[in-house]
Amino acid sequence: MGIEFVTIGDKLARPIFTSDGQVLLGKGVVLTAGYISKLKNLGISAIYIEDDRFQDVHVEDAISEETRREALQNLKEATDYVRSGKKIDGAKIKGSVNGVIEDCLNSHGVLVNLMDIRTKENWLLPHSVSVCVMATMLGIARSLDRHRLQDLAIGALLHDVGLTMVPKEILDKGEDRLGAEEREIYEKHAEEGFNIIRRTGELSIVAAHVAYQHHERVDGTGFPRGIDDGDIHLYAKIVAIVDLYDKLINGAMGAKPLAPHQACEVLMGLSGRYLDLSLVQLFLKNVATYPTGISVRLSTGEIGVVVDQNRSIPMRPVVRVLLERHRFVEPKEYDMIKDTTVFIQDVLR
């Protein structure tokens, strides 16, 4: 539910974490005026609220809250080590990554349903964990074996570790608004990340190349080396897609966040130029274009909530309608594969 529509007395249906994995507000907390104000100040635009009308709806996540929290905490420790000039504890990173892989393999290929709630205080850590999860899910869809998944997931989790060396004022400014000198500093993060990972003995050089190449473009216009399609590693191509998708839907580096379906359109528009076309197509088959729990306005004028996914056509989910012409009605559902004349017109934040 959009934070603007939350009322005093509503109960949280899912916990809210800080960027380093600490619980900010737990599941079941009754929201007060103070809590709602604090959430707005933190830049949180939507939260999950308990609603008796949706008791049967289960929002599936590829990884458990415990796995996500552990990954955030270990990544926070790793970035702190980098800032202080110490080496990353590769064993802890591998442990976190193995937990992510295990959860993703046990999720039986659920559609990526990224609706994690993050604050604007430090976007880098939750962004990196989400990129790791999405890259792992895409790697599974690409039929990578367990050993290859580990290298991919480590590279994905640490793909932006070089940004810890970039001044905060540059990261806060926004990628599109950087001057020439600022952009030069920003673009060094890819090589910095490569060097940080390769100096960590327990981690493979393949994972280091993910950090090095995730800003390269298949048409050769990326950075840091301007290599093209044939020279970019498969894992870096995967991370390039999910990195951009997560930034688009969460508004990283000062950008305005897009709805998931809008972000999917951006990815398709960049396919074949910046991004690998076949991998983008595979990703779009495995992402919930309209995530479960999101509020939508239909072409009929009705307003409802996405309550289930159609894996065969992710852009056509199941929507439960509760509001018609500004009045509440008895709940009814549209399965948009069967109800072919009904379309999602807008996503309500």
Protein backbone atom coordinates (compact mmCIF):
# COMPACT_ATOMS: atom_id res chain seq x y z
CA MET A 1 0.00 0.00 0.00
CA GLY A 2 1.25 3.50 -0.83
CA ILE A 3 2.44 5.28 2.31
CA GLU A 4 -0.01 8.12 1.60
CA PHE A 5 -2.93 5.71 2.01
CA VAL A 6 -1.74 4.20 5.31
CA THR A 7 -3.83 5.13 8.34
CA ILE A 8 -3.11 5.15 12.08
CA GLY A 9 -3.87 1.71 13.52
CA ASP A 10 -2.87 -0.27 10.41
CA LYS A 11 -0.63 -3.29 11.12
CA LEU A 12 2.57 -4.11 9.25
CA ALA A 13 2.31 -7.39 7.35
CA ARG A 14 6.08 -7.61 6.71
CA PRO A 15 9.03 -6.24 8.69
CA ILE A 16 11.00 -3.21 7.54
CA PHE A 17 14.78 -3.50 7.71
CA THR A 18 17.48 -0.87 7.84
CA SER A 19 20.07 -1.00 5.08
CA ASP A 20 22.41 -3.16 7.19
CA GLY A 21 19.82 -5.81 8.05
CA GLN A 22 18.57 -4.55 11.41
CA VAL A 23 14.82 -4.63 12.02
CA LEU A 24 13.44 -1.09 11.91
CA LEU A 25 9.80 -2.09 12.50
CA GLY A 26 8.67 -5.68 12.99
CA LYS A 27 5.77 -7.57 11.48
CA GLY A 28 2.51 -6.90 13.38
CA VAL A 29 3.57 -3.46 14.64
CA VAL A 30 0.59 -1.11 14.92
CA LEU A 31 1.39 2.07 13.04
CA THR A 32 1.14 5.35 14.93
CA ALA A 33 1.29 8.87 13.52
CA GLY A 34 4.93 9.00 14.59
CA TYR A 35 5.84 5.76 12.83
CA ILE A 36 4.09 6.84 9.61
CA SER A 37 5.88 10.20 9.69
CA LYS A 38 9.25 8.50 10.24
CA LEU A 39 8.68 6.10 7.34
CA LYS A 40 7.88 9.03 5.05
CA ASN A 41 11.01 10.86 6.18
CA LEU A 42 13.09 7.77 5.42
CA GLY A 43 11.82 7.84 1.84
CA ILE A 44 9.70 4.68 2.05
CA SER A 45 6.90 5.01 -0.50
CA ALA A 46 4.97 1.75 0.09
CA ILE A 47 4.60 -0.91 2.79
CA TYR A 48 2.72 -4.16 3.32
CA ILE A 49 -0.36 -3.84 5.54
CA GLU A 50 -2.45 -6.64 7.06
CA ASP A 51 -5.89 -6.81 5.44
CA ASP A 52 -8.55 -9.44 6.19
CA ARG A 53 -9.62 -9.33 2.55
CA PHE A 54 -6.24 -10.73 1.50
CA GLN A 55 -5.58 -13.35 4.18
CA ASP A 56 -5.35 -16.00 1.44
CA VAL A 57 -2.76 -14.09 -0.60
CA HIS A 58 0.85 -15.15 -0.14
CA VAL A 59 3.59 -12.86 -1.44
CA GLU A 60 6.35 -15.27 -2.41
CA ASP A 61 9.96 -14.20 -2.08
CA ALA A 62 12.87 -16.09 -3.58
CA ILE A 63 14.79 -15.93 -0.27
CA SER A 64 13.80 -15.91 3.38
CA GLU A 65 13.97 -12.85 5.61
CA GLU A 66 16.73 -14.55 7.60
CA THR A 67 18.84 -15.15 4.47
CA ARG A 68 18.34 -11.56 3.32
CA ARG A 69 19.23 -10.19 6.76
CA GLU A 70 22.42 -12.28 6.97
CA ALA A 71 23.50 -11.20 3.48
CA LEU A 72 22.93 -7.53 4.36
CA GLN A 73 24.91 -7.84 7.60
CA ASN A 74 27.86 -9.66 6.00
CA LEU A 75 27.92 -7.21 3.09
CA LYS A 76 27.88 -4.30 5.56
CA GLU A 77 30.88 -5.85 7.33
CA ALA A 78 32.66 -6.33 3.98
CA THR A 79 32.16 -2.71 2.91
CA ASP A 80 33.32 -1.50 6.33
CA TYR A 81 36.48 -3.60 5.90
CA VAL A 82 37.10 -2.07 2.46
CA ARG A 83 36.75 1.47 3.80
CA SER A 84 39.23 0.73 6.57
CA GLY A 85 41.75 -0.86 4.20
CA LYS A 86 41.19 -4.45 5.35
CA LYS A 87 40.54 -7.51 3.20
CA ILE A 88 37.00 -8.87 2.85
CA ASP A 89 36.17 -12.06 4.75
CA GLY A 90 35.56 -14.25 1.71
CA ALA A 91 34.26 -17.16 3.80
CA LYS A 92 31.38 -15.05 5.14
CA ILE A 93 30.53 -13.80 1.65
CA LYS A 94 30.48 -17.38 0.37
CA GLY A 95 28.24 -18.39 3.28
CA SER A 96 25.74 -15.66 2.47
CA VAL A 97 25.79 -16.49 -1.22
CA ASN A 98 25.27 -20.19 -0.58
CA GLY A 99 22.23 -19.31 1.53
CA VAL A 100 20.82 -17.23 -1.33
CA ILE A 101 21.45 -20.03 -3.84
CA GLU A 102 19.84 -22.65 -1.57
CA ASP A 103 16.73 -20.53 -1.06
CA CYS A 104 16.45 -19.73 -4.77
CA LEU A 105 16.79 -23.40 -5.75
CA ASN A 106 14.10 -24.31 -3.20
CA SER A 107 11.75 -21.60 -4.41
CA HIS A 108 10.83 -23.80 -7.40
CA GLY A 109 11.26 -21.01 -9.90
CA VAL A 110 8.83 -18.45 -8.45
CA LEU A 111 8.66 -15.26 -10.44
CA VAL A 112 11.04 -12.61 -9.14
CA ASN A 113 8.69 -10.49 -7.04
CA LEU A 114 10.90 -7.66 -5.86
CA MET A 115 8.85 -5.58 -3.48
CA ASP A 116 11.45 -5.25 -0.75
CA ILE A 117 11.02 -2.15 1.39
CA ARG A 118 14.14 -0.06 1.63
CA THR A 119 15.04 3.31 3.08
CA LYS A 120 16.95 5.99 1.17
CA GLU A 121 19.65 6.25 3.86
CA ASN A 122 21.95 3.76 2.13
CA TRP A 123 20.65 2.14 -1.04
CA LEU A 124 23.86 0.29 -1.92
CA LEU A 125 23.53 -2.69 0.45
CA PRO A 126 19.90 -3.68 -0.25
CA HIS A 127 20.50 -3.00 -3.95
CA SER A 128 23.46 -5.39 -3.98
CA VAL A 129 21.55 -8.15 -2.19
CA SER A 130 18.59 -7.81 -4.57
CA VAL A 131 20.93 -7.93 -7.57
CA CYS A 132 22.45 -11.10 -6.12
CA VAL A 133 19.00 -12.71 -5.75
CA MET A 134 17.84 -11.74 -9.25
CA ALA A 135 21.11 -12.81 -10.87
CA THR A 136 20.89 -16.17 -9.10
CA MET A 137 17.30 -16.68 -10.28
CA LEU A 138 18.32 -15.77 -13.83
CA GLY A 139 21.32 -18.11 -13.58
CA ILE A 140 19.01 -20.95 -12.52
CA ALA A 141 16.71 -20.16 -15.47
CA ARG A 142 19.86 -20.29 -17.66
CA SER A 143 20.54 -23.81 -16.26
CA LEU A 144 23.86 -22.96 -14.60
CA ASP A 145 25.18 -25.62 -12.23
CA ARG A 146 25.80 -25.02 -8.52
CA HIS A 147 29.49 -24.18 -8.90
CA ARG A 148 28.82 -21.62 -11.64
CA LEU A 149 25.91 -20.17 -9.68
CA GLN A 150 28.27 -19.51 -6.78
CA ASP A 151 30.69 -17.48 -8.92
CA LEU A 152 27.78 -15.57 -10.47
CA ALA A 153 26.15 -14.85 -7.10
CA ILE A 154 29.41 -13.70 -5.47
CA GLY A 155 30.10 -11.38 -8.39
CA ALA A 156 26.54 -10.07 -8.21
CA LEU A 157 26.64 -9.45 -4.45
CA LEU A 158 29.95 -7.58 -4.74
CA HIS A 159 29.40 -6.00 -8.17
CA ASP A 160 29.29 -2.48 -6.71
CA VAL A 161 31.79 -2.94 -3.88
CA GLY A 162 34.02 -0.42 -5.65
CA LEU A 163 31.42 2.27 -4.96
CA THR A 164 32.56 2.25 -1.33
CA MET A 165 35.56 4.24 -2.61
CA VAL A 166 33.39 6.88 -4.34
CA PRO A 167 32.50 10.03 -2.32
CA LYS A 168 28.91 10.06 -1.06
CA GLU A 169 28.18 13.45 -2.62
CA ILE A 170 28.83 11.96 -6.07
CA LEU A 171 26.58 8.96 -5.42
CA ASP A 172 23.83 11.23 -4.08
CA LYS A 173 24.03 13.56 -7.06
CA GLY A 174 22.70 11.11 -9.65
CA GLU A 175 24.48 9.40 -12.54
CA ASP A 176 22.92 11.63 -15.21
CA ARG A 177 23.98 14.83 -13.46
CA LEU A 178 27.68 14.14 -12.99
CA GLY A 179 30.29 16.47 -14.41
CA ALA A 180 33.26 15.14 -16.40
CA GLU A 181 35.58 14.86 -13.38
CA GLU A 182 32.86 13.35 -11.18
CA ARG A 183 32.01 10.80 -13.87
CA GLU A 184 35.66 9.79 -14.12
CA ILE A 185 35.75 9.16 -10.36
CA TYR A 186 32.44 7.27 -10.51
CA GLU A 187 33.49 5.04 -13.42
CA LYS A 188 36.61 3.92 -11.56
CA HIS A 189 34.38 1.87 -9.25
CA ALA A 190 34.33 -1.02 -11.73
CA GLU A 191 38.12 -1.42 -11.69
CA GLU A 192 38.24 -0.77 -7.93
CA GLY A 193 35.70 -3.56 -7.41
CA PHE A 194 37.75 -5.93 -9.58
CA ASN A 195 40.89 -5.28 -7.53
CA ILE A 196 39.08 -5.62 -4.18
CA ILE A 197 37.59 -9.01 -5.10
CA ARG A 198 40.72 -10.46 -6.72
CA ARG A 199 42.73 -9.62 -3.58
CA THR A 200 40.31 -11.75 -1.54
CA GLY A 201 41.90 -15.18 -1.67
CA GLU A 202 38.74 -17.26 -1.16
CA LEU A 203 36.91 -15.63 -4.10
CA SER A 204 37.40 -16.50 -7.77
CA ILE A 205 38.76 -14.25 -10.50
CA VAL A 206 35.50 -14.87 -12.40
CA ALA A 207 33.55 -13.07 -9.65
CA ALA A 208 36.02 -10.20 -9.88
CA HIS A 209 35.34 -9.88 -13.62
CA VAL A 210 31.62 -9.44 -12.91
CA ALA A 211 32.43 -6.27 -10.98
CA TYR A 212 34.87 -5.22 -13.73
CA GLN A 213 32.48 -5.72 -16.66
CA HIS A 214 28.93 -5.07 -15.40
CA HIS A 215 28.89 -1.59 -16.99
CA GLU A 216 30.16 -2.78 -20.37
CA ARG A 217 27.60 -2.71 -23.21
CA VAL A 218 27.15 -5.24 -25.96
CA ASP A 219 27.63 -2.49 -28.59
CA GLY A 220 31.01 -1.54 -27.08
CA THR A 221 30.00 1.86 -25.63
CA GLY A 222 30.28 0.94 -21.94
CA PHE A 223 33.07 1.33 -19.40
CA PRO A 224 35.77 0.84 -18.18
CA ARG A 225 37.28 -0.75 -21.32
CA GLY A 226 34.60 -0.35 -24.01
CA ILE A 227 34.60 -4.04 -24.90
CA ASP A 228 31.69 -5.46 -26.88
CA ASP A 229 29.41 -8.50 -26.85
CA GLY A 230 31.92 -11.24 -27.58
CA ASP A 231 34.35 -10.16 -24.86
CA ILE A 232 31.84 -9.60 -22.03
CA HIS A 233 31.47 -12.54 -19.64
CA LEU A 234 28.02 -14.16 -19.42
CA TYR A 235 27.80 -13.39 -15.68
CA ALA A 236 28.54 -9.71 -16.25
CA LYS A 237 25.80 -9.59 -18.92
CA ILE A 238 23.35 -11.09 -16.40
CA VAL A 239 24.32 -8.63 -13.67
CA ALA A 240 24.11 -5.68 -16.08
CA ILE A 241 20.42 -6.47 -16.65
CA VAL A 242 19.37 -7.02 -13.03
CA ASP A 243 21.54 -4.13 -11.77
CA LEU A 244 19.75 -1.71 -14.10
CA TYR A 245 16.31 -3.18 -13.33
CA ASP A 246 16.75 -2.78 -9.58
CA LYS A 247 18.03 0.79 -9.98
CA LEU A 248 15.05 1.65 -12.19
CA ILE A 249 12.38 0.35 -9.81
CA ASN A 250 14.03 1.80 -6.70
CA GLY A 251 15.30 5.11 -8.01
CA ALA A 252 18.96 4.66 -7.08
CA MET A 253 21.38 7.59 -7.33
CA GLY A 254 18.69 10.26 -7.26
CA ALA A 255 16.57 8.95 -10.15
CA LYS A 256 12.78 8.80 -10.00
CA PRO A 257 11.64 5.18 -9.44
CA LEU A 258 9.68 3.46 -12.19
CA ALA A 259 6.91 0.88 -11.80
CA PRO A 260 8.14 -2.67 -12.60
CA HIS A 261 6.27 -2.84 -15.92
CA GLN A 262 7.84 0.47 -16.99
CA ALA A 263 11.31 -0.82 -16.05
CA CYS A 264 10.69 -3.94 -18.15
CA GLU A 265 9.92 -1.72 -21.14
CA VAL A 266 13.19 0.16 -20.61
CA LEU A 267 15.12 -3.14 -20.59
CA MET A 268 13.49 -4.20 -23.86
CA GLY A 269 14.33 -0.82 -25.39
CA LEU A 270 18.01 -1.27 -24.50
CA SER A 271 18.21 -4.89 -25.71
CA GLY A 272 20.67 -5.53 -28.50
CA ARG A 273 22.43 -2.20 -27.88
CA TYR A 274 23.39 -2.09 -24.21
CA LEU A 275 22.01 -5.40 -22.96
CA ASP A 276 22.02 -8.98 -24.27
CA LEU A 277 18.67 -9.57 -26.02
CA SER A 278 18.31 -13.28 -25.21
CA LEU A 279 19.09 -12.72 -21.52
CA VAL A 280 16.61 -9.82 -21.28
CA GLN A 281 13.93 -12.03 -22.82
CA LEU A 282 14.74 -14.77 -20.29
CA PHE A 283 14.65 -12.27 -17.43
CA LEU A 284 11.24 -10.93 -18.48
CA LYS A 285 9.87 -14.47 -18.41
CA ASN A 286 11.00 -14.79 -14.80
CA VAL A 287 10.06 -11.42 -13.29
CA ALA A 288 6.65 -10.46 -11.94
CA THR A 289 5.91 -7.46 -14.15
CA TYR A 290 3.10 -6.55 -11.74
CA PRO A 291 4.28 -7.90 -8.35
CA THR A 292 1.83 -9.63 -6.03
CA GLY A 293 0.43 -7.11 -3.55
CA ILE A 294 0.66 -4.08 -5.83
CA SER A 295 -2.44 -1.91 -6.35
CA VAL A 296 -3.56 -1.31 -9.93
CA ARG A 297 -6.23 0.53 -11.92
CA LEU A 298 -7.85 -1.52 -14.67
CA SER A 299 -9.14 -0.50 -18.09
CA THR A 300 -12.65 -1.05 -16.66
CA GLY A 301 -12.07 1.82 -14.21
CA GLU A 302 -11.98 -0.61 -11.28
CA ILE A 303 -9.20 -0.62 -8.69
CA GLY A 304 -7.78 -3.83 -7.29
CA VAL A 305 -4.73 -5.67 -6.03
CA VAL A 306 -2.58 -8.25 -7.83
CA VAL A 307 -3.13 -11.49 -5.89
CA ASP A 308 -1.50 -14.13 -8.10
CA GLN A 309 0.82 -14.57 -11.06
CA ASN A 310 0.49 -16.37 -14.39
CA ARG A 311 3.96 -17.74 -15.01
CA SER A 312 3.31 -18.39 -18.70
CA ILE A 313 2.52 -14.69 -19.30
CA PRO A 314 3.85 -12.56 -16.40
CA MET A 315 2.27 -9.39 -17.80
CA ARG A 316 -1.21 -10.88 -17.29
CA PRO A 317 -1.62 -11.55 -13.52
CA VAL A 318 -4.72 -12.23 -11.42
CA VAL A 319 -6.31 -9.08 -9.96
CA ARG A 320 -8.84 -8.92 -7.11
CA VAL A 321 -11.13 -5.90 -7.47
CA LEU A 322 -12.41 -4.11 -4.38
CA LEU A 323 -13.26 -0.64 -5.62
CA GLU A 324 -15.56 0.41 -8.45
CA ARG A 325 -16.43 4.02 -9.24
CA HIS A 326 -15.12 5.14 -5.81
CA ARG A 327 -17.28 2.66 -3.88
CA PHE A 328 -16.33 -0.62 -2.27
CA VAL A 329 -17.83 -3.71 -3.89
CA GLU A 330 -17.91 -7.43 -3.17
CA PRO A 331 -14.48 -8.79 -4.14
CA LYS A 332 -14.21 -10.32 -7.60
CA GLU A 333 -11.21 -11.50 -9.58
CA TYR A 334 -9.98 -11.11 -13.12
CA ASP A 335 -7.61 -13.79 -14.38
CA MET A 336 -6.12 -11.70 -17.13
CA ILE A 337 -5.14 -14.68 -19.25
CA LYS A 338 -8.81 -15.64 -19.48
CA ASP A 339 -10.30 -12.12 -19.28
CA THR A 340 -8.60 -10.95 -22.46
CA THR A 341 -10.50 -7.65 -22.78
CA VAL A 342 -9.30 -6.34 -19.39
CA PHE A 343 -5.96 -4.54 -19.11
CA ILE A 344 -3.91 -2.93 -16.37
CA GLN A 345 -4.00 0.78 -17.04
CA ASP A 346 -1.93 2.12 -14.18
CA VAL A 347 0.00 1.12 -11.06
CA LEU A 348 -1.00 2.97 -7.90
CA ARG A 349 1.84 3.83 -5.54
